[in-house]
C-alpha atoms as a PDB file:
ATOM      1  CA  UNK A   1      98.862 105.037 146.135  1.00  0.00           C
ATOM      2  CA  UNK A   2     101.165 105.982 143.243  1.00  0.00           C
ATOM      3  CA  UNK A   3     102.190 102.322 142.980  1.00  0.00           C
ATOM      4  CA  UNK A   4      98.578 101.180 142.574  1.00  0.00           C
ATOM      5  CA  UNK A   5      97.864 103.981 140.089  1.00  0.00           C
ATOM      6  CA  UNK A   6     100.792 102.828 137.934  1.00  0.00           C
ATOM      7  CA  UNK A   7      99.528  99.263 138.196  1.00  0.00           C
ATOM      8  CA  UNK A   8      96.082 100.313 136.965  1.00  0.00           C
ATOM      9  CA  UNK A   9      97.685 101.968 133.942  1.00  0.00           C
ATOM     10  CA  UNK A  10      99.828  98.924 133.155  1.00  0.00           C
ATOM     11  CA  UNK A  11      97.031  96.352 133.410  1.00  0.00           C
ATOM     12  CA  UNK A  12      95.195  97.241 130.177  1.00  0.00           C
ATOM     13  CA  UNK A  13      98.507  97.670 128.332  1.00  0.00           C
ATOM     14  CA  UNK A  14      99.660  94.277 129.619  1.00  0.00           C
ATOM     15  CA  UNK A  15      96.436  92.701 128.384  1.00  0.00           C
ATOM     16  CA  UNK A  16      96.885  94.217 124.923  1.00  0.00           C
ATOM     17  CA  UNK A  17     100.464  92.862 124.729  1.00  0.00           C
ATOM     18  CA  UNK A  18      99.303  89.387 125.786  1.00  0.00           C
ATOM     19  CA  UNK A  19      96.576  89.500 123.141  1.00  0.00           C
ATOM     20  CA  UNK A  20      99.129  90.477 120.471  1.00  0.00           C
ATOM     21  CA  UNK A  21     101.496  87.668 121.496  1.00  0.00           C
ATOM     22  CA  UNK A  22      98.661  85.145 121.455  1.00  0.00           C
ATOM     23  CA  UNK A  23      97.513  86.229 117.994  1.00  0.00           C
ATOM     24  CA  UNK A  24     101.014  86.090 116.523  1.00  0.00           C
ATOM     25  CA  UNK A  25     101.673  82.649 118.043  1.00  0.00           C
ATOM     26  CA  UNK A  26      98.610  81.105 116.421  1.00  0.00           C
ATOM     27  CA  UNK A  27      99.234  82.781 113.071  1.00  0.00           C
ATOM     28  CA  UNK A  28     102.744  81.309 112.991  1.00  0.00           C
ATOM     29  CA  UNK A  29     101.627  77.904 114.272  1.00  0.00           C
ATOM     30  CA  UNK A  30      98.696  77.617 111.833  1.00  0.00           C
ATOM     31  CA  UNK A  31      99.290  79.516 108.556  1.00  0.00           C
ATOM     32  CA  UNK A  32      95.590  79.272 107.634  1.00  0.00           C
ATOM     33  CA  UNK A  33      94.659  81.326 110.695  1.00  0.00           C
ATOM     34  CA  UNK A  34      94.027  84.997 109.909  1.00  0.00           C
ATOM     35  CA  UNK A  35      94.070  88.089 112.108  1.00  0.00           C
ATOM     36  CA  UNK A  36      90.276  88.074 111.975  1.00  0.00           C
ATOM     37  CA  UNK A  37      90.292  84.616 113.597  1.00  0.00           C
ATOM     38  CA  UNK A  38      92.559  85.372 116.542  1.00  0.00           C
ATOM     39  CA  UNK A  39      92.421  89.092 117.387  1.00  0.00           C
ATOM     40  CA  UNK A  40      90.489  89.879 120.572  1.00  0.00           C
ATOM     41  CA  UNK A  41      88.852  93.241 121.200  1.00  0.00           C
ATOM     42  CA  UNK A  42      87.565  94.232 124.618  1.00  0.00           C
ATOM     43  CA  UNK A  43      84.875  96.895 124.974  1.00  0.00           C
ATOM     44  CA  UNK A  44      86.384 100.349 125.469  1.00  0.00           C
ATOM     45  CA  UNK A  45      84.429 100.831 128.708  1.00  0.00           C
ATOM     46  CA  UNK A  46      86.653  98.211 130.353  1.00  0.00           C
ATOM     47  CA  UNK A  47      89.754 100.176 129.390  1.00  0.00           C
ATOM     48  CA  UNK A  48      88.172 103.386 130.678  1.00  0.00           C
ATOM     49  CA  UNK A  49      87.566 101.809 134.070  1.00  0.00           C
ATOM     50  CA  UNK A  50      90.900 100.012 134.377  1.00  0.00           C
ATOM     51  CA  UNK A  51      92.969 102.771 132.762  1.00  0.00           C
ATOM     52  CA  UNK A  52      92.514 105.157 135.683  1.00  0.00           C
ATOM     53  CA  UNK A  53      91.867 108.167 133.452  1.00  0.00           C
ATOM     54  CA  UNK A  54      94.733 107.488 131.032  1.00  0.00           C
ATOM     55  CA  UNK A  55      92.556 106.835 127.991  1.00  0.00           C
ATOM     56  CA  UNK A  56      94.762 108.835 125.613  1.00  0.00           C
ATOM     57  CA  UNK A  57      97.872 106.896 126.626  1.00  0.00           C
ATOM     58  CA  UNK A  58      96.070 103.585 126.154  1.00  0.00           C
ATOM     59  CA  UNK A  59      94.527 104.640 122.826  1.00  0.00           C
ATOM     60  CA  UNK A  60      97.952 105.735 121.512  1.00  0.00           C
ATOM     61  CA  UNK A  61      99.437 102.380 122.498  1.00  0.00           C
ATOM     62  CA  UNK A  62      96.550 100.517 120.870  1.00  0.00           C
ATOM     63  CA  UNK A  63      96.994 102.579 117.698  1.00  0.00           C
ATOM     64  CA  UNK A  64     100.689 101.698 117.533  1.00  0.00           C
ATOM     65  CA  UNK A  65      99.878  97.993 117.802  1.00  0.00           C
ATOM     66  CA  UNK A  66      97.123  98.354 115.194  1.00  0.00           C
ATOM     67  CA  UNK A  67      99.673  99.720 112.713  1.00  0.00           C
ATOM     68  CA  UNK A  68     101.948  96.758 113.473  1.00  0.00           C
ATOM     69  CA  UNK A  69      99.148  94.196 113.158  1.00  0.00           C
ATOM     70  CA  UNK A  70      97.356  95.653 110.130  1.00  0.00           C
ATOM     71  CA  UNK A  71      96.744  93.266 107.237  1.00  0.00           C
ATOM     72  CA  UNK A  72      95.352  93.662 103.718  1.00  0.00           C
ATOM     73  CA  UNK A  73      92.859  90.794 103.768  1.00  0.00           C
ATOM     74  CA  UNK A  74      89.493  91.992 102.475  1.00  0.00           C
ATOM     75  CA  UNK A  75      86.571  91.880 104.893  1.00  0.00           C
ATOM     76  CA  UNK A  76      83.559  90.890 102.805  1.00  0.00           C
ATOM     77  CA  UNK A  77      80.889  90.914 105.502  1.00  0.00           C
ATOM     78  CA  UNK A  78      78.882  94.046 106.245  1.00  0.00           C
ATOM     79  CA  UNK A  79      78.399  93.483 109.967  1.00  0.00           C
ATOM     80  CA  UNK A  80      80.832  95.970 111.572  1.00  0.00           C
ATOM     81  CA  UNK A  81      82.752  93.063 113.073  1.00  0.00           C
ATOM     82  CA  UNK A  82      86.179  93.139 111.431  1.00  0.00           C
ATOM     83  CA  UNK A  83      88.919  93.040 114.044  1.00  0.00           C
ATOM     84  CA  UNK A  84      90.623  96.200 112.799  1.00  0.00           C
ATOM     85  CA  UNK A  85      87.361  98.162 112.785  1.00  0.00           C
ATOM     86  CA  UNK A  86      86.581  97.068 116.344  1.00  0.00           C
ATOM     87  CA  UNK A  87      90.122  98.019 117.421  1.00  0.00           C
ATOM     88  CA  UNK A  88      89.871 101.500 115.892  1.00  0.00           C
ATOM     89  CA  UNK A  89      86.365 101.924 117.307  1.00  0.00           C
ATOM     90  CA  UNK A  90      87.809 101.269 120.772  1.00  0.00           C
ATOM     91  CA  UNK A  91      90.586 103.783 120.107  1.00  0.00           C
ATOM     92  CA  UNK A  92      88.270 106.648 119.131  1.00  0.00           C
ATOM     93  CA  UNK A  93      85.944 105.887 122.037  1.00  0.00           C
ATOM     94  CA  UNK A  94      88.913 106.227 124.383  1.00  0.00           C
ATOM     95  CA  UNK A  95      90.072 109.392 122.613  1.00  0.00           C
ATOM     96  CA  UNK A  96      87.253 110.968 120.527  1.00  0.00           C
ATOM     97  CA  UNK A  97      89.608 113.591 119.019  1.00  0.00           C
ATOM     98  CA  UNK A  98      92.360 111.199 117.862  1.00  0.00           C
ATOM     99  CA  UNK A  99      92.505 112.593 114.316  1.00  0.00           C
ATOM    100  CA  UNK A 100      95.017 110.124 112.878  1.00  0.00           C
ATOM    101  CA  UNK A 101      92.876 107.157 113.913  1.00  0.00           C
ATOM    102  CA  UNK A 102      89.840 108.593 112.103  1.00  0.00           C
ATOM    103  CA  UNK A 103      91.731 109.590 108.971  1.00  0.00           C
ATOM    104  CA  UNK A 104      94.063 106.607 108.482  1.00  0.00           C
ATOM    105  CA  UNK A 105      91.489 104.180 109.880  1.00  0.00           C
ATOM    106  CA  UNK A 106      88.707 105.276 107.517  1.00  0.00           C
ATOM    107  CA  UNK A 107      91.055 105.356 104.546  1.00  0.00           C
ATOM    108  CA  UNK A 108      92.487 101.921 105.362  1.00  0.00           C
ATOM    109  CA  UNK A 109      89.087 100.320 105.858  1.00  0.00           C
ATOM    110  CA  UNK A 110      87.705 101.909 102.688  1.00  0.00           C
ATOM    111  CA  UNK A 111      90.624 101.394 100.304  1.00  0.00           C
ATOM    112  CA  UNK A 112      92.586  98.405 101.619  1.00  0.00           C
ATOM    113  CA  UNK A 113      90.135  96.274 103.606  1.00  0.00           C
ATOM    114  CA  UNK A 114      86.986  97.055 101.547  1.00  0.00           C
ATOM    115  CA  UNK A 115      85.129  97.305 104.851  1.00  0.00           C
ATOM    116  CA  UNK A 116      82.643  99.833 103.459  1.00  0.00           C
ATOM    117  CA  UNK A 117      80.412 100.198 106.499  1.00  0.00           C
ATOM    118  CA  UNK A 118      83.298 100.171 108.963  1.00  0.00           C
ATOM    119  CA  UNK A 119      84.793 103.104 107.051  1.00  0.00           C
ATOM    120  CA  UNK A 120      81.400 104.834 106.987  1.00  0.00           C
ATOM    121  CA  UNK A 121      81.138 104.542 110.780  1.00  0.00           C
ATOM    122  CA  UNK A 122      84.538 106.212 111.288  1.00  0.00           C
ATOM    123  CA  UNK A 123      83.806 108.905 108.705  1.00  0.00           C
ATOM    124  CA  UNK A 124      80.440 109.765 110.238  1.00  0.00           C
ATOM    125  CA  UNK A 125      82.011 109.996 113.699  1.00  0.00           C
ATOM    126  CA  UNK A 126      84.938 112.003 112.341  1.00  0.00           C
ATOM    127  CA  UNK A 127      82.688 114.534 110.609  1.00  0.00           C
ATOM    128  CA  UNK A 128      81.553 115.719 114.031  1.00  0.00           C
ATOM    129  CA  UNK A 129      85.086 116.936 114.791  1.00  0.00           C
ATOM    130  CA  UNK A 130      86.960 117.298 111.501  1.00  0.00           C
ATOM    131  CA  UNK A 131      84.653 118.676 108.807  1.00  0.00           C
ATOM    132  CA  UNK A 132      87.167 121.516 108.326  1.00  0.00           C
ATOM    133  CA  UNK A 133      90.102 119.182 107.566  1.00  0.00           C
ATOM    134  CA  UNK A 134      90.532 118.886 103.790  1.00  0.00           C
ATOM    135  CA  UNK A 135      92.436 115.582 103.798  1.00  0.00           C
ATOM    136  CA  UNK A 136      89.726 113.937 105.886  1.00  0.00           C
ATOM    137  CA  UNK A 137      86.973 115.420 103.719  1.00  0.00           C
ATOM    138  CA  UNK A 138      88.644 114.022 100.589  1.00  0.00           C
ATOM    139  CA  UNK A 139      88.251 110.559 102.097  1.00  0.00           C
ATOM    140  CA  UNK A 140      84.645 111.234 103.129  1.00  0.00           C
ATOM    141  CA  UNK A 141      83.606 112.603  99.722  1.00  0.00           C
ATOM    142  CA  UNK A 142      85.176 109.710  97.814  1.00  0.00           C
ATOM    143  CA  UNK A 143      83.731 107.069 100.130  1.00  0.00           C
ATOM    144  CA  UNK A 144      80.198 108.425  99.945  1.00  0.00           C
ATOM    145  CA  UNK A 145      80.360 108.978  96.193  1.00  0.00           C
ATOM    146  CA  UNK A 146      82.102 105.822  95.050  1.00  0.00           C
ATOM    147  CA  UNK A 147      81.609 103.165  97.726  1.00  0.00           C
ATOM    148  CA  UNK A 148      78.177 104.134  99.040  1.00  0.00           C
ATOM    149  CA  UNK A 149      76.858 105.585  95.739  1.00  0.00           C
ATOM    150  CA  UNK A 150      75.475 108.629  97.516  1.00  0.00           C
ATOM    151  CA  UNK A 151      76.283 111.491  95.159  1.00  0.00           C
ATOM    152  CA  UNK A 152      74.058 114.006  96.958  1.00  0.00           C
ATOM    153  CA  UNK A 153      75.755 113.561 100.329  1.00  0.00           C
ATOM    154  CA  UNK A 154      79.199 113.578  98.711  1.00  0.00           C
ATOM    155  CA  UNK A 155      78.291 116.867  97.041  1.00  0.00           C
ATOM    156  CA  UNK A 156      77.028 118.336 100.311  1.00  0.00           C
ATOM    157  CA  UNK A 157      80.258 117.364 102.099  1.00  0.00           C
ATOM    158  CA  UNK A 158      82.371 118.899  99.332  1.00  0.00           C
ATOM    159  CA  UNK A 159      80.387 122.156  99.576  1.00  0.00           C
ATOM    160  CA  UNK A 160      80.784 122.142 103.354  1.00  0.00           C
ATOM    161  CA  UNK A 161      84.551 121.808 103.015  1.00  0.00           C
ATOM    162  CA  UNK A 162      84.627 124.574 100.425  1.00  0.00           C
ATOM    163  CA  UNK A 163      83.287 126.888 103.128  1.00  0.00           C
ATOM    164  CA  UNK A 164      85.230 125.660 106.147  1.00  0.00           C
ATOM    165  CA  UNK A 165      88.500 124.035 104.965  1.00  0.00           C
ATOM    166  CA  UNK A 166      91.769 125.873 104.441  1.00  0.00           C
ATOM    167  CA  UNK A 167      91.701 128.311 101.529  1.00  0.00           C
ATOM    168  CA  UNK A 168      94.543 126.589  99.668  1.00  0.00           C
ATOM    169  CA  UNK A 169      92.301 123.534  99.128  1.00  0.00           C
ATOM    170  CA  UNK A 170      89.289 125.436  97.813  1.00  0.00           C
ATOM    171  CA  UNK A 171      90.342 125.095  94.173  1.00  0.00           C
ATOM    172  CA  UNK A 172      90.375 121.285  94.423  1.00  0.00           C
ATOM    173  CA  UNK A 173      86.996 121.100  96.124  1.00  0.00           C
ATOM    174  CA  UNK A 174      85.507 123.535  93.627  1.00  0.00           C
ATOM    175  CA  UNK A 175      86.543 121.131  90.853  1.00  0.00           C
ATOM    176  CA  UNK A 176      85.002 118.208  92.734  1.00  0.00           C
ATOM    177  CA  UNK A 177      81.749 120.141  93.218  1.00  0.00           C
ATOM    178  CA  UNK A 178      81.594 120.932  89.505  1.00  0.00           C
ATOM    179  CA  UNK A 179      82.076 117.262  88.606  1.00  0.00           C
ATOM    180  CA  UNK A 180      79.535 116.010  91.142  1.00  0.00           C
ATOM    181  CA  UNK A 181      77.001 118.615  90.020  1.00  0.00           C
ATOM    182  CA  UNK A 182      77.138 117.425  86.390  1.00  0.00           C
ATOM    183  CA  UNK A 183      75.715 114.020  87.399  1.00  0.00           C
ATOM    184  CA  UNK A 184      77.615 112.185  84.674  1.00  0.00           C
ATOM    185  CA  UNK A 185      81.030 110.670  83.900  1.00  0.00           C
ATOM    186  CA  UNK A 186      81.368 108.905  87.251  1.00  0.00           C
ATOM    187  CA  UNK A 187      84.710 107.317  86.318  1.00  0.00           C
ATOM    188  CA  UNK A 188      86.376 110.685  85.763  1.00  0.00           C
ATOM    189  CA  UNK A 189      84.884 112.067  88.971  1.00  0.00           C
ATOM    190  CA  UNK A 190      86.094 109.079  90.988  1.00  0.00           C
ATOM    191  CA  UNK A 191      89.493 109.389  89.350  1.00  0.00           C
ATOM    192  CA  UNK A 192      89.966 113.048  90.255  1.00  0.00           C
ATOM    193  CA  UNK A 193      88.823 112.609  93.872  1.00  0.00           C
ATOM    194  CA  UNK A 194      90.994 109.524  94.356  1.00  0.00           C
ATOM    195  CA  UNK A 195      93.982 111.228  92.738  1.00  0.00           C
ATOM    196  CA  UNK A 196      93.787 113.898  95.437  1.00  0.00           C
ATOM    197  CA  UNK A 197      94.181 111.215  98.102  1.00  0.00           C
ATOM    198  CA  UNK A 198      97.009 109.519  96.195  1.00  0.00           C
ATOM    199  CA  UNK A 199      99.033 112.726  95.876  1.00  0.00           C
ATOM    200  CA  UNK A 200      98.717 113.427  99.608  1.00  0.00           C
ATOM    201  CA  UNK A 201     100.307 110.116 100.685  1.00  0.00           C
ATOM    202  CA  UNK A 202     103.948 109.060 100.985  1.00  0.00           C
ATOM    203  CA  UNK A 203     105.445 106.666  98.474  1.00  0.00           C
ATOM    204  CA  UNK A 204     105.295 102.992  99.498  1.00  0.00           C
ATOM    205  CA  UNK A 205     102.461 103.719 101.919  1.00  0.00           C
ATOM    206  CA  UNK A 206     100.259 100.580 101.720  1.00  0.00           C
ATOM    207  CA  UNK A 207      97.190 102.768 101.216  1.00  0.00           C
ATOM    208  CA  UNK A 208      98.873 104.645  98.364  1.00  0.00           C
ATOM    209  CA  UNK A 209      99.852 101.350  96.721  1.00  0.00           C
ATOM    210  CA  UNK A 210      96.235 100.196  96.887  1.00  0.00           C
ATOM    211  CA  UNK A 211      95.001 103.533  95.535  1.00  0.00           C
ATOM    212  CA  UNK A 212      97.512 103.181  92.687  1.00  0.00           C
ATOM    213  CA  UNK A 213      95.848  99.951  91.512  1.00  0.00           C
ATOM    214  CA  UNK A 214      92.448 101.654  91.636  1.00  0.00           C
ATOM    215  CA  UNK A 215      93.694 104.690  89.713  1.00  0.00           C
ATOM    216  CA  UNK A 216      95.312 102.466  87.083  1.00  0.00           C
ATOM    217  CA  UNK A 217      92.042 100.560  86.690  1.00  0.00           C
ATOM    218  CA  UNK A 218      89.966 103.742  86.577  1.00  0.00           C
ATOM    219  CA  UNK A 219      92.076 105.308  83.850  1.00  0.00           C
ATOM    220  CA  UNK A 220      92.316 102.081  81.854  1.00  0.00           C
ATOM    221  CA  UNK A 221      88.559 101.506  81.987  1.00  0.00           C
ATOM    222  CA  UNK A 222      87.815 105.048  80.864  1.00  0.00           C
ATOM    223  CA  UNK A 223      90.548 105.277  78.209  1.00  0.00           C
ATOM    224  CA  UNK A 224      90.073 101.829  76.669  1.00  0.00           C
ATOM    225  CA  UNK A 225      86.312 102.298  76.607  1.00  0.00           C
ATOM    226  CA  UNK A 226      86.965 105.428  74.583  1.00  0.00           C
ATOM    227  CA  UNK A 227      89.719 104.017  72.326  1.00  0.00           C
ATOM    228  CA  UNK A 228      87.770 100.851  71.504  1.00  0.00           C
ATOM    229  CA  UNK A 229      84.521 102.697  70.813  1.00  0.00           C
ATOM    230  CA  UNK A 230      83.818 101.807  67.181  1.00  0.00           C
ATOM    231  CA  UNK A 231      80.682 103.928  66.866  1.00  0.00           C
ATOM    232  CA  UNK A 232      82.139 107.354  67.578  1.00  0.00           C
ATOM    233  CA  UNK A 233      85.411 108.106  65.810  1.00  0.00           C
ATOM    234  CA  UNK A 234      85.453 111.753  66.942  1.00  0.00           C
ATOM    235  CA  UNK A 235      86.042 111.013  70.626  1.00  0.00           C
ATOM    236  CA  UNK A 236      89.229 112.485  72.060  1.00  0.00           C
ATOM    237  CA  UNK A 237      90.834 109.627  73.950  1.00  0.00           C
ATOM    238  CA  UNK A 238      93.933 109.409  76.100  1.00  0.00           C
ATOM    239  CA  UNK A 239      96.423 106.957  74.593  1.00  0.00           C
ATOM    240  CA  UNK A 240      98.577 106.432  77.714  1.00  0.00           C
ATOM    241  CA  UNK A 241      97.931 104.600  80.967  1.00  0.00           C
ATOM    242  CA  UNK A 242      98.417 105.872  84.534  1.00  0.00           C
ATOM    243  CA  UNK A 243     102.144 105.057  84.291  1.00  0.00           C
ATOM    244  CA  UNK A 244     102.290 107.204  81.145  1.00  0.00           C
ATOM    245  CA  UNK A 245     102.899 104.087  79.045  1.00  0.00           C
ATOM    246  CA  UNK A 246     101.144 103.848  75.644  1.00  0.00           C
ATOM    247  CA  UNK A 247      98.279 101.384  75.365  1.00  0.00           C
ATOM    248  CA  UNK A 248      99.051  98.360  73.187  1.00  0.00           C
ATOM    249  CA  UNK A 249      97.163  97.832  69.922  1.00  0.00           C
ATOM    250  CA  UNK A 250      96.609  94.200  68.936  1.00  0.00           C
ATOM    251  CA  UNK A 251      94.057  92.563  66.628  1.00  0.00           C
ATOM    252  CA  UNK A 252      92.086  95.761  66.227  1.00  0.00           C
ATOM    253  CA  UNK A 253      91.765  96.555  69.967  1.00  0.00           C
ATOM    254  CA  UNK A 254      93.669  98.636  72.468  1.00  0.00           C
ATOM    255  CA  UNK A 255      94.845  96.948  75.667  1.00  0.00           C
ATOM    256  CA  UNK A 256      96.657  98.011  78.831  1.00  0.00           C
ATOM    257  CA  UNK A 257     100.162  96.754  79.524  1.00  0.00           C
ATOM    258  CA  UNK A 258      99.241  95.669  83.061  1.00  0.00           C
ATOM    259  CA  UNK A 259      96.383  93.531  84.310  1.00  0.00           C
ATOM    260  CA  UNK A 260      93.508  95.458  85.851  1.00  0.00           C
ATOM    261  CA  UNK A 261      89.959  94.901  87.070  1.00  0.00           C
ATOM    262  CA  UNK A 262      86.875  96.881  86.156  1.00  0.00           C
ATOM    263  CA  UNK A 263      86.566  99.676  88.697  1.00  0.00           C
ATOM    264  CA  UNK A 264      82.861 100.235  88.043  1.00  0.00           C
ATOM    265  CA  UNK A 265      81.875  96.677  89.094  1.00  0.00           C
END
């Protein structure tokens, strides 16, 4: 009986490994093939049946492989069908309290993959369990405010965290609430919320690197809009970029040293 039980546990893991090998083979054989083209996701109910009650073990293994497989290719569709979203969805269905999958998954989909609705799905599910976790609520507030343009819900989530999150984070959420309540200066509000996420991540984390480009763009858009404003000379403008480098002044206009894209588009 123990032999068959072990076999039941190994079967879903074996399938996942075969899927990974298949995907990597085709990506090496045909460079144009992306992870979205070759990754296969099986409904979590199959794993629940075949896993013989070892859902947490299987979900942990799937999460490890997801970290290995993760790519930075943007997913432009809004159909909840990106391979990485479907993988993480399976993981949290197998283990509904797998905090890291909610947090890193939502952040990765929102910031790196630009899978706005995939991130929303994970955030909404995560709020059921983790509305008292400040790092998760940072992600939720930013996503609803900036990506989904829902200031009211972002404000409500920030107020909820102010009541239930650890006391040491209350100062930061109080500042966010004040900014969201003003209903103006969206660039500065986005900047301050995103900066909180950036500071919480390790250097060279792919999510932090992506957030860096957004923060650089946010600050450049705000600062250069101020510096190049010819109609109001009394504005107090920052003269340095996110890297603390001075903006260049050429032909009557200030410019950033690095290339950047409009954040507000």
